[in-house]
Amino acid sequence: TGHPVISIPTGFDKRGRPTSMTFVG
């Protein structure tokens, strides 16, 4: 659909790898 999004860090998983969430506009 062409909508904008931003992905931002939310912490880390059990293996120390980053996680994220997305905001859609």
PDBML (XML) file of the C-alpha atoms, coordinates in Angstrom:
<?xml version="1.0" encoding="UTF-8" ?>
<PDBx:datablock datablockName="MODEL"
   xmlns:PDBx="http://pdbml.pdb.org/schema/pdbx-v50.xsd"
   xmlns:xsi="http://www.w3.org/2001/XMLSchema-instance"
   xsi:schemaLocation="http://pdbml.pdb.org/schema/pdbx-v50.xsd pdbx-v50.xsd">
   <PDBx:atom_siteCategory>
      <PDBx:atom_site id="1">
         <PDBx:B_iso_or_equiv>0.00</PDBx:B_iso_or_equiv>
         <PDBx:Cartn_x>0.000</PDBx:Cartn_x>
         <PDBx:Cartn_y>0.000</PDBx:Cartn_y>
         <PDBx:Cartn_z>0.000</PDBx:Cartn_z>
         <PDBx:auth_asym_id>A</PDBx:auth_asym_id>
         <PDBx:auth_atom_id>CA</PDBx:auth_atom_id>
         <PDBx:auth_comp_id>THR</PDBx:auth_comp_id>
         <PDBx:auth_seq_id>1</PDBx:auth_seq_id>
         <PDBx:group_PDB>ATOM</PDBx:group_PDB>
         <PDBx:label_alt_id xsi:nil="true" />
         <PDBx:label_asym_id>A</PDBx:label_asym_id>
         <PDBx:label_atom_id>CA</PDBx:label_atom_id>
         <PDBx:label_comp_id>THR</PDBx:label_comp_id>
         <PDBx:label_entity_id>1</PDBx:label_entity_id>
         <PDBx:label_seq_id>1</PDBx:label_seq_id>
         <PDBx:occupancy>1.00</PDBx:occupancy>
         <PDBx:pdbx_PDB_model_num>1</PDBx:pdbx_PDB_model_num>
         <PDBx:type_symbol>C</PDBx:type_symbol>
      </PDBx:atom_site>
      <PDBx:atom_site id="2">
         <PDBx:B_iso_or_equiv>0.00</PDBx:B_iso_or_equiv>
         <PDBx:Cartn_x>2.999</PDBx:Cartn_x>
         <PDBx:Cartn_y>2.317</PDBx:Cartn_y>
         <PDBx:Cartn_z>0.304</PDBx:Cartn_z>
         <PDBx:auth_asym_id>A</PDBx:auth_asym_id>
         <PDBx:auth_atom_id>CA</PDBx:auth_atom_id>
         <PDBx:auth_comp_id>GLY</PDBx:auth_comp_id>
         <PDBx:auth_seq_id>2</PDBx:auth_seq_id>
         <PDBx:group_PDB>ATOM</PDBx:group_PDB>
         <PDBx:label_alt_id xsi:nil="true" />
         <PDBx:label_asym_id>A</PDBx:label_asym_id>
         <PDBx:label_atom_id>CA</PDBx:label_atom_id>
         <PDBx:label_comp_id>GLY</PDBx:label_comp_id>
         <PDBx:label_entity_id>1</PDBx:label_entity_id>
         <PDBx:label_seq_id>2</PDBx:label_seq_id>
         <PDBx:occupancy>1.00</PDBx:occupancy>
         <PDBx:pdbx_PDB_model_num>1</PDBx:pdbx_PDB_model_num>
         <PDBx:type_symbol>C</PDBx:type_symbol>
      </PDBx:atom_site>
      <PDBx:atom_site id="3">
         <PDBx:B_iso_or_equiv>0.00</PDBx:B_iso_or_equiv>
         <PDBx:Cartn_x>2.487</PDBx:Cartn_x>
         <PDBx:Cartn_y>3.364</PDBx:Cartn_y>
         <PDBx:Cartn_z>3.952</PDBx:Cartn_z>
         <PDBx:auth_asym_id>A</PDBx:auth_asym_id>
         <PDBx:auth_atom_id>CA</PDBx:auth_atom_id>
         <PDBx:auth_comp_id>HIS</PDBx:auth_comp_id>
         <PDBx:auth_seq_id>3</PDBx:auth_seq_id>
         <PDBx:group_PDB>ATOM</PDBx:group_PDB>
         <PDBx:label_alt_id xsi:nil="true" />
         <PDBx:label_asym_id>A</PDBx:label_asym_id>
         <PDBx:label_atom_id>CA</PDBx:label_atom_id>
         <PDBx:label_comp_id>HIS</PDBx:label_comp_id>
         <PDBx:label_entity_id>1</PDBx:label_entity_id>
         <PDBx:label_seq_id>3</PDBx:label_seq_id>
         <PDBx:occupancy>1.00</PDBx:occupancy>
         <PDBx:pdbx_PDB_model_num>1</PDBx:pdbx_PDB_model_num>
         <PDBx:type_symbol>C</PDBx:type_symbol>
      </PDBx:atom_site>
      <PDBx:atom_site id="4">
         <PDBx:B_iso_or_equiv>0.00</PDBx:B_iso_or_equiv>
         <PDBx:Cartn_x>5.488</PDBx:Cartn_x>
         <PDBx:Cartn_y>4.605</PDBx:Cartn_y>
         <PDBx:Cartn_z>5.958</PDBx:Cartn_z>
         <PDBx:auth_asym_id>A</PDBx:auth_asym_id>
         <PDBx:auth_atom_id>CA</PDBx:auth_atom_id>
         <PDBx:auth_comp_id>PRO</PDBx:auth_comp_id>
         <PDBx:auth_seq_id>4</PDBx:auth_seq_id>
         <PDBx:group_PDB>ATOM</PDBx:group_PDB>
         <PDBx:label_alt_id xsi:nil="true" />
         <PDBx:label_asym_id>A</PDBx:label_asym_id>
         <PDBx:label_atom_id>CA</PDBx:label_atom_id>
         <PDBx:label_comp_id>PRO</PDBx:label_comp_id>
         <PDBx:label_entity_id>1</PDBx:label_entity_id>
         <PDBx:label_seq_id>4</PDBx:label_seq_id>
         <PDBx:occupancy>1.00</PDBx:occupancy>
         <PDBx:pdbx_PDB_model_num>1</PDBx:pdbx_PDB_model_num>
         <PDBx:type_symbol>C</PDBx:type_symbol>
      </PDBx:atom_site>
      <PDBx:atom_site id="5">
         <PDBx:B_iso_or_equiv>0.00</PDBx:B_iso_or_equiv>
         <PDBx:Cartn_x>6.876</PDBx:Cartn_x>
         <PDBx:Cartn_y>2.648</PDBx:Cartn_y>
         <PDBx:Cartn_z>8.919</PDBx:Cartn_z>
         <PDBx:auth_asym_id>A</PDBx:auth_asym_id>
         <PDBx:auth_atom_id>CA</PDBx:auth_atom_id>
         <PDBx:auth_comp_id>VAL</PDBx:auth_comp_id>
         <PDBx:auth_seq_id>5</PDBx:auth_seq_id>
         <PDBx:group_PDB>ATOM</PDBx:group_PDB>
         <PDBx:label_alt_id xsi:nil="true" />
         <PDBx:label_asym_id>A</PDBx:label_asym_id>
         <PDBx:label_atom_id>CA</PDBx:label_atom_id>
         <PDBx:label_comp_id>VAL</PDBx:label_comp_id>
         <PDBx:label_entity_id>1</PDBx:label_entity_id>
         <PDBx:label_seq_id>5</PDBx:label_seq_id>
         <PDBx:occupancy>1.00</PDBx:occupancy>
         <PDBx:pdbx_PDB_model_num>1</PDBx:pdbx_PDB_model_num>
         <PDBx:type_symbol>C</PDBx:type_symbol>
      </PDBx:atom_site>
      <PDBx:atom_site id="6">
         <PDBx:B_iso_or_equiv>0.00</PDBx:B_iso_or_equiv>
         <PDBx:Cartn_x>9.673</PDBx:Cartn_x>
         <PDBx:Cartn_y>2.989</PDBx:Cartn_y>
         <PDBx:Cartn_z>11.435</PDBx:Cartn_z>
         <PDBx:auth_asym_id>A</PDBx:auth_asym_id>
         <PDBx:auth_atom_id>CA</PDBx:auth_atom_id>
         <PDBx:auth_comp_id>ILE</PDBx:auth_comp_id>
         <PDBx:auth_seq_id>6</PDBx:auth_seq_id>
         <PDBx:group_PDB>ATOM</PDBx:group_PDB>
         <PDBx:label_alt_id xsi:nil="true" />
         <PDBx:label_asym_id>A</PDBx:label_asym_id>
         <PDBx:label_atom_id>CA</PDBx:label_atom_id>
         <PDBx:label_comp_id>ILE</PDBx:label_comp_id>
         <PDBx:label_entity_id>1</PDBx:label_entity_id>
         <PDBx:label_seq_id>6</PDBx:label_seq_id>
         <PDBx:occupancy>1.00</PDBx:occupancy>
         <PDBx:pdbx_PDB_model_num>1</PDBx:pdbx_PDB_model_num>
         <PDBx:type_symbol>C</PDBx:type_symbol>
      </PDBx:atom_site>
      <PDBx:atom_site id="7">
         <PDBx:B_iso_or_equiv>0.00</PDBx:B_iso_or_equiv>
         <PDBx:Cartn_x>11.349</PDBx:Cartn_x>
         <PDBx:Cartn_y>0.051</PDBx:Cartn_y>
         <PDBx:Cartn_z>13.167</PDBx:Cartn_z>
         <PDBx:auth_asym_id>A</PDBx:auth_asym_id>
         <PDBx:auth_atom_id>CA</PDBx:auth_atom_id>
         <PDBx:auth_comp_id>SER</PDBx:auth_comp_id>
         <PDBx:auth_seq_id>7</PDBx:auth_seq_id>
         <PDBx:group_PDB>ATOM</PDBx:group_PDB>
         <PDBx:label_alt_id xsi:nil="true" />
         <PDBx:label_asym_id>A</PDBx:label_asym_id>
         <PDBx:label_atom_id>CA</PDBx:label_atom_id>
         <PDBx:label_comp_id>SER</PDBx:label_comp_id>
         <PDBx:label_entity_id>1</PDBx:label_entity_id>
         <PDBx:label_seq_id>7</PDBx:label_seq_id>
         <PDBx:occupancy>1.00</PDBx:occupancy>
         <PDBx:pdbx_PDB_model_num>1</PDBx:pdbx_PDB_model_num>
         <PDBx:type_symbol>C</PDBx:type_symbol>
      </PDBx:atom_site>
      <PDBx:atom_site id="8">
         <PDBx:B_iso_or_equiv>0.00</PDBx:B_iso_or_equiv>
         <PDBx:Cartn_x>12.852</PDBx:Cartn_x>
         <PDBx:Cartn_y>0.794</PDBx:Cartn_y>
         <PDBx:Cartn_z>16.593</PDBx:Cartn_z>
         <PDBx:auth_asym_id>A</PDBx:auth_asym_id>
         <PDBx:auth_atom_id>CA</PDBx:auth_atom_id>
         <PDBx:auth_comp_id>ILE</PDBx:auth_comp_id>
         <PDBx:auth_seq_id>8</PDBx:auth_seq_id>
         <PDBx:group_PDB>ATOM</PDBx:group_PDB>
         <PDBx:label_alt_id xsi:nil="true" />
         <PDBx:label_asym_id>A</PDBx:label_asym_id>
         <PDBx:label_atom_id>CA</PDBx:label_atom_id>
         <PDBx:label_comp_id>ILE</PDBx:label_comp_id>
         <PDBx:label_entity_id>1</PDBx:label_entity_id>
         <PDBx:label_seq_id>8</PDBx:label_seq_id>
         <PDBx:occupancy>1.00</PDBx:occupancy>
         <PDBx:pdbx_PDB_model_num>1</PDBx:pdbx_PDB_model_num>
         <PDBx:type_symbol>C</PDBx:type_symbol>
      </PDBx:atom_site>
      <PDBx:atom_site id="9">
         <PDBx:B_iso_or_equiv>0.00</PDBx:B_iso_or_equiv>
         <PDBx:Cartn_x>14.800</PDBx:Cartn_x>
         <PDBx:Cartn_y>-1.365</PDBx:Cartn_y>
         <PDBx:Cartn_z>19.075</PDBx:Cartn_z>
         <PDBx:auth_asym_id>A</PDBx:auth_asym_id>
         <PDBx:auth_atom_id>CA</PDBx:auth_atom_id>
         <PDBx:auth_comp_id>PRO</PDBx:auth_comp_id>
         <PDBx:auth_seq_id>9</PDBx:auth_seq_id>
         <PDBx:group_PDB>ATOM</PDBx:group_PDB>
         <PDBx:label_alt_id xsi:nil="true" />
         <PDBx:label_asym_id>A</PDBx:label_asym_id>
         <PDBx:label_atom_id>CA</PDBx:label_atom_id>
         <PDBx:label_comp_id>PRO</PDBx:label_comp_id>
         <PDBx:label_entity_id>1</PDBx:label_entity_id>
         <PDBx:label_seq_id>9</PDBx:label_seq_id>
         <PDBx:occupancy>1.00</PDBx:occupancy>
         <PDBx:pdbx_PDB_model_num>1</PDBx:pdbx_PDB_model_num>
         <PDBx:type_symbol>C</PDBx:type_symbol>
      </PDBx:atom_site>
      <PDBx:atom_site id="10">
         <PDBx:B_iso_or_equiv>0.00</PDBx:B_iso_or_equiv>
         <PDBx:Cartn_x>12.926</PDBx:Cartn_x>
         <PDBx:Cartn_y>-2.820</PDBx:Cartn_y>
         <PDBx:Cartn_z>22.071</PDBx:Cartn_z>
         <PDBx:auth_asym_id>A</PDBx:auth_asym_id>
         <PDBx:auth_atom_id>CA</PDBx:auth_atom_id>
         <PDBx:auth_comp_id>THR</PDBx:auth_comp_id>
         <PDBx:auth_seq_id>10</PDBx:auth_seq_id>
         <PDBx:group_PDB>ATOM</PDBx:group_PDB>
         <PDBx:label_alt_id xsi:nil="true" />
         <PDBx:label_asym_id>A</PDBx:label_asym_id>
         <PDBx:label_atom_id>CA</PDBx:label_atom_id>
         <PDBx:label_comp_id>THR</PDBx:label_comp_id>
         <PDBx:label_entity_id>1</PDBx:label_entity_id>
         <PDBx:label_seq_id>10</PDBx:label_seq_id>
         <PDBx:occupancy>1.00</PDBx:occupancy>
         <PDBx:pdbx_PDB_model_num>1</PDBx:pdbx_PDB_model_num>
         <PDBx:type_symbol>C</PDBx:type_symbol>
      </PDBx:atom_site>
      <PDBx:atom_site id="11">
         <PDBx:B_iso_or_equiv>0.00</PDBx:B_iso_or_equiv>
         <PDBx:Cartn_x>15.662</PDBx:Cartn_x>
         <PDBx:Cartn_y>-4.789</PDBx:Cartn_y>
         <PDBx:Cartn_z>23.804</PDBx:Cartn_z>
         <PDBx:auth_asym_id>A</PDBx:auth_asym_id>
         <PDBx:auth_atom_id>CA</PDBx:auth_atom_id>
         <PDBx:auth_comp_id>GLY</PDBx:auth_comp_id>
         <PDBx:auth_seq_id>11</PDBx:auth_seq_id>
         <PDBx:group_PDB>ATOM</PDBx:group_PDB>
         <PDBx:label_alt_id xsi:nil="true" />
         <PDBx:label_asym_id>A</PDBx:label_asym_id>
         <PDBx:label_atom_id>CA</PDBx:label_atom_id>
         <PDBx:label_comp_id>GLY</PDBx:label_comp_id>
         <PDBx:label_entity_id>1</PDBx:label_entity_id>
         <PDBx:label_seq_id>11</PDBx:label_seq_id>
         <PDBx:occupancy>1.00</PDBx:occupancy>
         <PDBx:pdbx_PDB_model_num>1</PDBx:pdbx_PDB_model_num>
         <PDBx:type_symbol>C</PDBx:type_symbol>
      </PDBx:atom_site>
      <PDBx:atom_site id="12">
         <PDBx:B_iso_or_equiv>0.00</PDBx:B_iso_or_equiv>
         <PDBx:Cartn_x>17.253</PDBx:Cartn_x>
         <PDBx:Cartn_y>-8.189</PDBx:Cartn_y>
         <PDBx:Cartn_z>23.323</PDBx:Cartn_z>
         <PDBx:auth_asym_id>A</PDBx:auth_asym_id>
         <PDBx:auth_atom_id>CA</PDBx:auth_atom_id>
         <PDBx:auth_comp_id>PHE</PDBx:auth_comp_id>
         <PDBx:auth_seq_id>12</PDBx:auth_seq_id>
         <PDBx:group_PDB>ATOM</PDBx:group_PDB>
         <PDBx:label_alt_id xsi:nil="true" />
         <PDBx:label_asym_id>A</PDBx:label_asym_id>
         <PDBx:label_atom_id>CA</PDBx:label_atom_id>
         <PDBx:label_comp_id>PHE</PDBx:label_comp_id>
         <PDBx:label_entity_id>1</PDBx:label_entity_id>
         <PDBx:label_seq_id>12</PDBx:label_seq_id>
         <PDBx:occupancy>1.00</PDBx:occupancy>
         <PDBx:pdbx_PDB_model_num>1</PDBx:pdbx_PDB_model_num>
         <PDBx:type_symbol>C</PDBx:type_symbol>
      </PDBx:atom_site>
      <PDBx:atom_site id="13">
         <PDBx:B_iso_or_equiv>0.00</PDBx:B_iso_or_equiv>
         <PDBx:Cartn_x>16.297</PDBx:Cartn_x>
         <PDBx:Cartn_y>-11.843</PDBx:Cartn_y>
         <PDBx:Cartn_z>23.165</PDBx:Cartn_z>
         <PDBx:auth_asym_id>A</PDBx:auth_asym_id>
         <PDBx:auth_atom_id>CA</PDBx:auth_atom_id>
         <PDBx:auth_comp_id>ASP</PDBx:auth_comp_id>
         <PDBx:auth_seq_id>13</PDBx:auth_seq_id>
         <PDBx:group_PDB>ATOM</PDBx:group_PDB>
         <PDBx:label_alt_id xsi:nil="true" />
         <PDBx:label_asym_id>A</PDBx:label_asym_id>
         <PDBx:label_atom_id>CA</PDBx:label_atom_id>
         <PDBx:label_comp_id>ASP</PDBx:label_comp_id>
         <PDBx:label_entity_id>1</PDBx:label_entity_id>
         <PDBx:label_seq_id>13</PDBx:label_seq_id>
         <PDBx:occupancy>1.00</PDBx:occupancy>
         <PDBx:pdbx_PDB_model_num>1</PDBx:pdbx_PDB_model_num>
         <PDBx:type_symbol>C</PDBx:type_symbol>
      </PDBx:atom_site>
      <PDBx:atom_site id="14">
         <PDBx:B_iso_or_equiv>0.00</PDBx:B_iso_or_equiv>
         <PDBx:Cartn_x>17.767</PDBx:Cartn_x>
         <PDBx:Cartn_y>-14.594</PDBx:Cartn_y>
         <PDBx:Cartn_z>25.342</PDBx:Cartn_z>
         <PDBx:auth_asym_id>A</PDBx:auth_asym_id>
         <PDBx:auth_atom_id>CA</PDBx:auth_atom_id>
         <PDBx:auth_comp_id>LYS</PDBx:auth_comp_id>
         <PDBx:auth_seq_id>14</PDBx:auth_seq_id>
         <PDBx:group_PDB>ATOM</PDBx:group_PDB>
         <PDBx:label_alt_id xsi:nil="true" />
         <PDBx:label_asym_id>A</PDBx:label_asym_id>
         <PDBx:label_atom_id>CA</PDBx:label_atom_id>
         <PDBx:label_comp_id>LYS</PDBx:label_comp_id>
         <PDBx:label_entity_id>1</PDBx:label_entity_id>
         <PDBx:label_seq_id>14</PDBx:label_seq_id>
         <PDBx:occupancy>1.00</PDBx:occupancy>
         <PDBx:pdbx_PDB_model_num>1</PDBx:pdbx_PDB_model_num>
         <PDBx:type_symbol>C</PDBx:type_symbol>
      </PDBx:atom_site>
      <PDBx:atom_site id="15">
         <PDBx:B_iso_or_equiv>0.00</PDBx:B_iso_or_equiv>
         <PDBx:Cartn_x>20.781</PDBx:Cartn_x>
         <PDBx:Cartn_y>-14.857</PDBx:Cartn_y>
         <PDBx:Cartn_z>23.036</PDBx:Cartn_z>
         <PDBx:auth_asym_id>A</PDBx:auth_asym_id>
         <PDBx:auth_atom_id>CA</PDBx:auth_atom_id>
         <PDBx:auth_comp_id>ARG</PDBx:auth_comp_id>
         <PDBx:auth_seq_id>15</PDBx:auth_seq_id>
         <PDBx:group_PDB>ATOM</PDBx:group_PDB>
         <PDBx:label_alt_id xsi:nil="true" />
         <PDBx:label_asym_id>A</PDBx:label_asym_id>
         <PDBx:label_atom_id>CA</PDBx:label_atom_id>
         <PDBx:label_comp_id>ARG</PDBx:label_comp_id>
         <PDBx:label_entity_id>1</PDBx:label_entity_id>
         <PDBx:label_seq_id>15</PDBx:label_seq_id>
         <PDBx:occupancy>1.00</PDBx:occupancy>
         <PDBx:pdbx_PDB_model_num>1</PDBx:pdbx_PDB_model_num>
         <PDBx:type_symbol>C</PDBx:type_symbol>
      </PDBx:atom_site>
      <PDBx:atom_site id="16">
         <PDBx:B_iso_or_equiv>0.00</PDBx:B_iso_or_equiv>
         <PDBx:Cartn_x>21.541</PDBx:Cartn_x>
         <PDBx:Cartn_y>-11.144</PDBx:Cartn_y>
         <PDBx:Cartn_z>23.256</PDBx:Cartn_z>
         <PDBx:auth_asym_id>A</PDBx:auth_asym_id>
         <PDBx:auth_atom_id>CA</PDBx:auth_atom_id>
         <PDBx:auth_comp_id>GLY</PDBx:auth_comp_id>
         <PDBx:auth_seq_id>16</PDBx:auth_seq_id>
         <PDBx:group_PDB>ATOM</PDBx:group_PDB>
         <PDBx:label_alt_id xsi:nil="true" />
         <PDBx:label_asym_id>A</PDBx:label_asym_id>
         <PDBx:label_atom_id>CA</PDBx:label_atom_id>
         <PDBx:label_comp_id>GLY</PDBx:label_comp_id>
         <PDBx:label_entity_id>1</PDBx:label_entity_id>
         <PDBx:label_seq_id>16</PDBx:label_seq_id>
         <PDBx:occupancy>1.00</PDBx:occupancy>
         <PDBx:pdbx_PDB_model_num>1</PDBx:pdbx_PDB_model_num>
         <PDBx:type_symbol>C</PDBx:type_symbol>
      </PDBx:atom_site>
      <PDBx:atom_site id="17">
         <PDBx:B_iso_or_equiv>0.00</PDBx:B_iso_or_equiv>
         <PDBx:Cartn_x>20.227</PDBx:Cartn_x>
         <PDBx:Cartn_y>-10.352</PDBx:Cartn_y>
         <PDBx:Cartn_z>19.785</PDBx:Cartn_z>
         <PDBx:auth_asym_id>A</PDBx:auth_asym_id>
         <PDBx:auth_atom_id>CA</PDBx:auth_atom_id>
         <PDBx:auth_comp_id>ARG</PDBx:auth_comp_id>
         <PDBx:auth_seq_id>17</PDBx:auth_seq_id>
         <PDBx:group_PDB>ATOM</PDBx:group_PDB>
         <PDBx:label_alt_id xsi:nil="true" />
         <PDBx:label_asym_id>A</PDBx:label_asym_id>
         <PDBx:label_atom_id>CA</PDBx:label_atom_id>
         <PDBx:label_comp_id>ARG</PDBx:label_comp_id>
         <PDBx:label_entity_id>1</PDBx:label_entity_id>
         <PDBx:label_seq_id>17</PDBx:label_seq_id>
         <PDBx:occupancy>1.00</PDBx:occupancy>
         <PDBx:pdbx_PDB_model_num>1</PDBx:pdbx_PDB_model_num>
         <PDBx:type_symbol>C</PDBx:type_symbol>
      </PDBx:atom_site>
      <PDBx:atom_site id="18">
         <PDBx:B_iso_or_equiv>0.00</PDBx:B_iso_or_equiv>
         <PDBx:Cartn_x>18.217</PDBx:Cartn_x>
         <PDBx:Cartn_y>-7.142</PDBx:Cartn_y>
         <PDBx:Cartn_z>19.245</PDBx:Cartn_z>
         <PDBx:auth_asym_id>A</PDBx:auth_asym_id>
         <PDBx:auth_atom_id>CA</PDBx:auth_atom_id>
         <PDBx:auth_comp_id>PRO</PDBx:auth_comp_id>
         <PDBx:auth_seq_id>18</PDBx:auth_seq_id>
         <PDBx:group_PDB>ATOM</PDBx:group_PDB>
         <PDBx:label_alt_id xsi:nil="true" />
         <PDBx:label_asym_id>A</PDBx:label_asym_id>
         <PDBx:label_atom_id>CA</PDBx:label_atom_id>
         <PDBx:label_comp_id>PRO</PDBx:label_comp_id>
         <PDBx:label_entity_id>1</PDBx:label_entity_id>
         <PDBx:label_seq_id>18</PDBx:label_seq_id>
         <PDBx:occupancy>1.00</PDBx:occupancy>
         <PDBx:pdbx_PDB_model_num>1</PDBx:pdbx_PDB_model_num>
         <PDBx:type_symbol>C</PDBx:type_symbol>
      </PDBx:atom_site>
      <PDBx:atom_site id="19">
         <PDBx:B_iso_or_equiv>0.00</PDBx:B_iso_or_equiv>
         <PDBx:Cartn_x>14.418</PDBx:Cartn_x>
         <PDBx:Cartn_y>-7.085</PDBx:Cartn_y>
         <PDBx:Cartn_z>18.960</PDBx:Cartn_z>
         <PDBx:auth_asym_id>A</PDBx:auth_asym_id>
         <PDBx:auth_atom_id>CA</PDBx:auth_atom_id>
         <PDBx:auth_comp_id>THR</PDBx:auth_comp_id>
         <PDBx:auth_seq_id>19</PDBx:auth_seq_id>
         <PDBx:group_PDB>ATOM</PDBx:group_PDB>
         <PDBx:label_alt_id xsi:nil="true" />
         <PDBx:label_asym_id>A</PDBx:label_asym_id>
         <PDBx:label_atom_id>CA</PDBx:label_atom_id>
         <PDBx:label_comp_id>THR</PDBx:label_comp_id>
         <PDBx:label_entity_id>1</PDBx:label_entity_id>
         <PDBx:label_seq_id>19</PDBx:label_seq_id>
         <PDBx:occupancy>1.00</PDBx:occupancy>
         <PDBx:pdbx_PDB_model_num>1</PDBx:pdbx_PDB_model_num>
         <PDBx:type_symbol>C</PDBx:type_symbol>
      </PDBx:atom_site>
      <PDBx:atom_site id="20">
         <PDBx:B_iso_or_equiv>0.00</PDBx:B_iso_or_equiv>
         <PDBx:Cartn_x>12.123</PDBx:Cartn_x>
         <PDBx:Cartn_y>-4.385</PDBx:Cartn_y>
         <PDBx:Cartn_z>17.601</PDBx:Cartn_z>
         <PDBx:auth_asym_id>A</PDBx:auth_asym_id>
         <PDBx:auth_atom_id>CA</PDBx:auth_atom_id>
         <PDBx:auth_comp_id>SER</PDBx:auth_comp_id>
         <PDBx:auth_seq_id>20</PDBx:auth_seq_id>
         <PDBx:group_PDB>ATOM</PDBx:group_PDB>
         <PDBx:label_alt_id xsi:nil="true" />
         <PDBx:label_asym_id>A</PDBx:label_asym_id>
         <PDBx:label_atom_id>CA</PDBx:label_atom_id>
         <PDBx:label_comp_id>SER</PDBx:label_comp_id>
         <PDBx:label_entity_id>1</PDBx:label_entity_id>
         <PDBx:label_seq_id>20</PDBx:label_seq_id>
         <PDBx:occupancy>1.00</PDBx:occupancy>
         <PDBx:pdbx_PDB_model_num>1</PDBx:pdbx_PDB_model_num>
         <PDBx:type_symbol>C</PDBx:type_symbol>
      </PDBx:atom_site>
      <PDBx:atom_site id="21">
         <PDBx:B_iso_or_equiv>0.00</PDBx:B_iso_or_equiv>
         <PDBx:Cartn_x>8.622</PDBx:Cartn_x>
         <PDBx:Cartn_y>-3.055</PDBx:Cartn_y>
         <PDBx:Cartn_z>17.131</PDBx:Cartn_z>
         <PDBx:auth_asym_id>A</PDBx:auth_asym_id>
         <PDBx:auth_atom_id>CA</PDBx:auth_atom_id>
         <PDBx:auth_comp_id>MET</PDBx:auth_comp_id>
         <PDBx:auth_seq_id>21</PDBx:auth_seq_id>
         <PDBx:group_PDB>ATOM</PDBx:group_PDB>
         <PDBx:label_alt_id xsi:nil="true" />
         <PDBx:label_asym_id>A</PDBx:label_asym_id>
         <PDBx:label_atom_id>CA</PDBx:label_atom_id>
         <PDBx:label_comp_id>MET</PDBx:label_comp_id>
         <PDBx:label_entity_id>1</PDBx:label_entity_id>
         <PDBx:label_seq_id>21</PDBx:label_seq_id>
         <PDBx:occupancy>1.00</PDBx:occupancy>
         <PDBx:pdbx_PDB_model_num>1</PDBx:pdbx_PDB_model_num>
         <PDBx:type_symbol>C</PDBx:type_symbol>
      </PDBx:atom_site>
      <PDBx:atom_site id="22">
         <PDBx:B_iso_or_equiv>0.00</PDBx:B_iso_or_equiv>
         <PDBx:Cartn_x>7.173</PDBx:Cartn_x>
         <PDBx:Cartn_y>-1.101</PDBx:Cartn_y>
         <PDBx:Cartn_z>14.225</PDBx:Cartn_z>
         <PDBx:auth_asym_id>A</PDBx:auth_asym_id>
         <PDBx:auth_atom_id>CA</PDBx:auth_atom_id>
         <PDBx:auth_comp_id>THR</PDBx:auth_comp_id>
         <PDBx:auth_seq_id>22</PDBx:auth_seq_id>
         <PDBx:group_PDB>ATOM</PDBx:group_PDB>
         <PDBx:label_alt_id xsi:nil="true" />
         <PDBx:label_asym_id>A</PDBx:label_asym_id>
         <PDBx:label_atom_id>CA</PDBx:label_atom_id>
         <PDBx:label_comp_id>THR</PDBx:label_comp_id>
         <PDBx:label_entity_id>1</PDBx:label_entity_id>
         <PDBx:label_seq_id>22</PDBx:label_seq_id>
         <PDBx:occupancy>1.00</PDBx:occupancy>
         <PDBx:pdbx_PDB_model_num>1</PDBx:pdbx_PDB_model_num>
         <PDBx:type_symbol>C</PDBx:type_symbol>
      </PDBx:atom_site>
      <PDBx:atom_site id="23">
         <PDBx:B_iso_or_equiv>0.00</PDBx:B_iso_or_equiv>
         <PDBx:Cartn_x>5.104</PDBx:Cartn_x>
         <PDBx:Cartn_y>2.070</PDBx:Cartn_y>
         <PDBx:Cartn_z>14.066</PDBx:Cartn_z>
         <PDBx:auth_asym_id>A</PDBx:auth_asym_id>
         <PDBx:auth_atom_id>CA</PDBx:auth_atom_id>
         <PDBx:auth_comp_id>PHE</PDBx:auth_comp_id>
         <PDBx:auth_seq_id>23</PDBx:auth_seq_id>
         <PDBx:group_PDB>ATOM</PDBx:group_PDB>
         <PDBx:label_alt_id xsi:nil="true" />
         <PDBx:label_asym_id>A</PDBx:label_asym_id>
         <PDBx:label_atom_id>CA</PDBx:label_atom_id>
         <PDBx:label_comp_id>PHE</PDBx:label_comp_id>
         <PDBx:label_entity_id>1</PDBx:label_entity_id>
         <PDBx:label_seq_id>23</PDBx:label_seq_id>
         <PDBx:occupancy>1.00</PDBx:occupancy>
         <PDBx:pdbx_PDB_model_num>1</PDBx:pdbx_PDB_model_num>
         <PDBx:type_symbol>C</PDBx:type_symbol>
      </PDBx:atom_site>
      <PDBx:atom_site id="24">
         <PDBx:B_iso_or_equiv>0.00</PDBx:B_iso_or_equiv>
         <PDBx:Cartn_x>2.972</PDBx:Cartn_x>
         <PDBx:Cartn_y>2.463</PDBx:Cartn_y>
         <PDBx:Cartn_z>10.933</PDBx:Cartn_z>
         <PDBx:auth_asym_id>A</PDBx:auth_asym_id>
         <PDBx:auth_atom_id>CA</PDBx:auth_atom_id>
         <PDBx:auth_comp_id>VAL</PDBx:auth_comp_id>
         <PDBx:auth_seq_id>24</PDBx:auth_seq_id>
         <PDBx:group_PDB>ATOM</PDBx:group_PDB>
         <PDBx:label_alt_id xsi:nil="true" />
         <PDBx:label_asym_id>A</PDBx:label_asym_id>
         <PDBx:label_atom_id>CA</PDBx:label_atom_id>
         <PDBx:label_comp_id>VAL</PDBx:label_comp_id>
         <PDBx:label_entity_id>1</PDBx:label_entity_id>
         <PDBx:label_seq_id>24</PDBx:label_seq_id>
         <PDBx:occupancy>1.00</PDBx:occupancy>
         <PDBx:pdbx_PDB_model_num>1</PDBx:pdbx_PDB_model_num>
         <PDBx:type_symbol>C</PDBx:type_symbol>
      </PDBx:atom_site>
      <PDBx:atom_site id="25">
         <PDBx:B_iso_or_equiv>0.00</PDBx:B_iso_or_equiv>
         <PDBx:Cartn_x>1.753</PDBx:Cartn_x>
         <PDBx:Cartn_y>5.867</PDBx:Cartn_y>
         <PDBx:Cartn_z>9.736</PDBx:Cartn_z>
         <PDBx:auth_asym_id>A</PDBx:auth_asym_id>
         <PDBx:auth_atom_id>CA</PDBx:auth_atom_id>
         <PDBx:auth_comp_id>GLY</PDBx:auth_comp_id>
         <PDBx:auth_seq_id>25</PDBx:auth_seq_id>
         <PDBx:group_PDB>ATOM</PDBx:group_PDB>
         <PDBx:label_alt_id xsi:nil="true" />
         <PDBx:label_asym_id>A</PDBx:label_asym_id>
         <PDBx:label_atom_id>CA</PDBx:label_atom_id>
         <PDBx:label_comp_id>GLY</PDBx:label_comp_id>
         <PDBx:label_entity_id>1</PDBx:label_entity_id>
         <PDBx:label_seq_id>25</PDBx:label_seq_id>
         <PDBx:occupancy>1.00</PDBx:occupancy>
         <PDBx:pdbx_PDB_model_num>1</PDBx:pdbx_PDB_model_num>
         <PDBx:type_symbol>C</PDBx:type_symbol>
      </PDBx:atom_site>
   </PDBx:atom_siteCategory>
</PDBx:datablock>
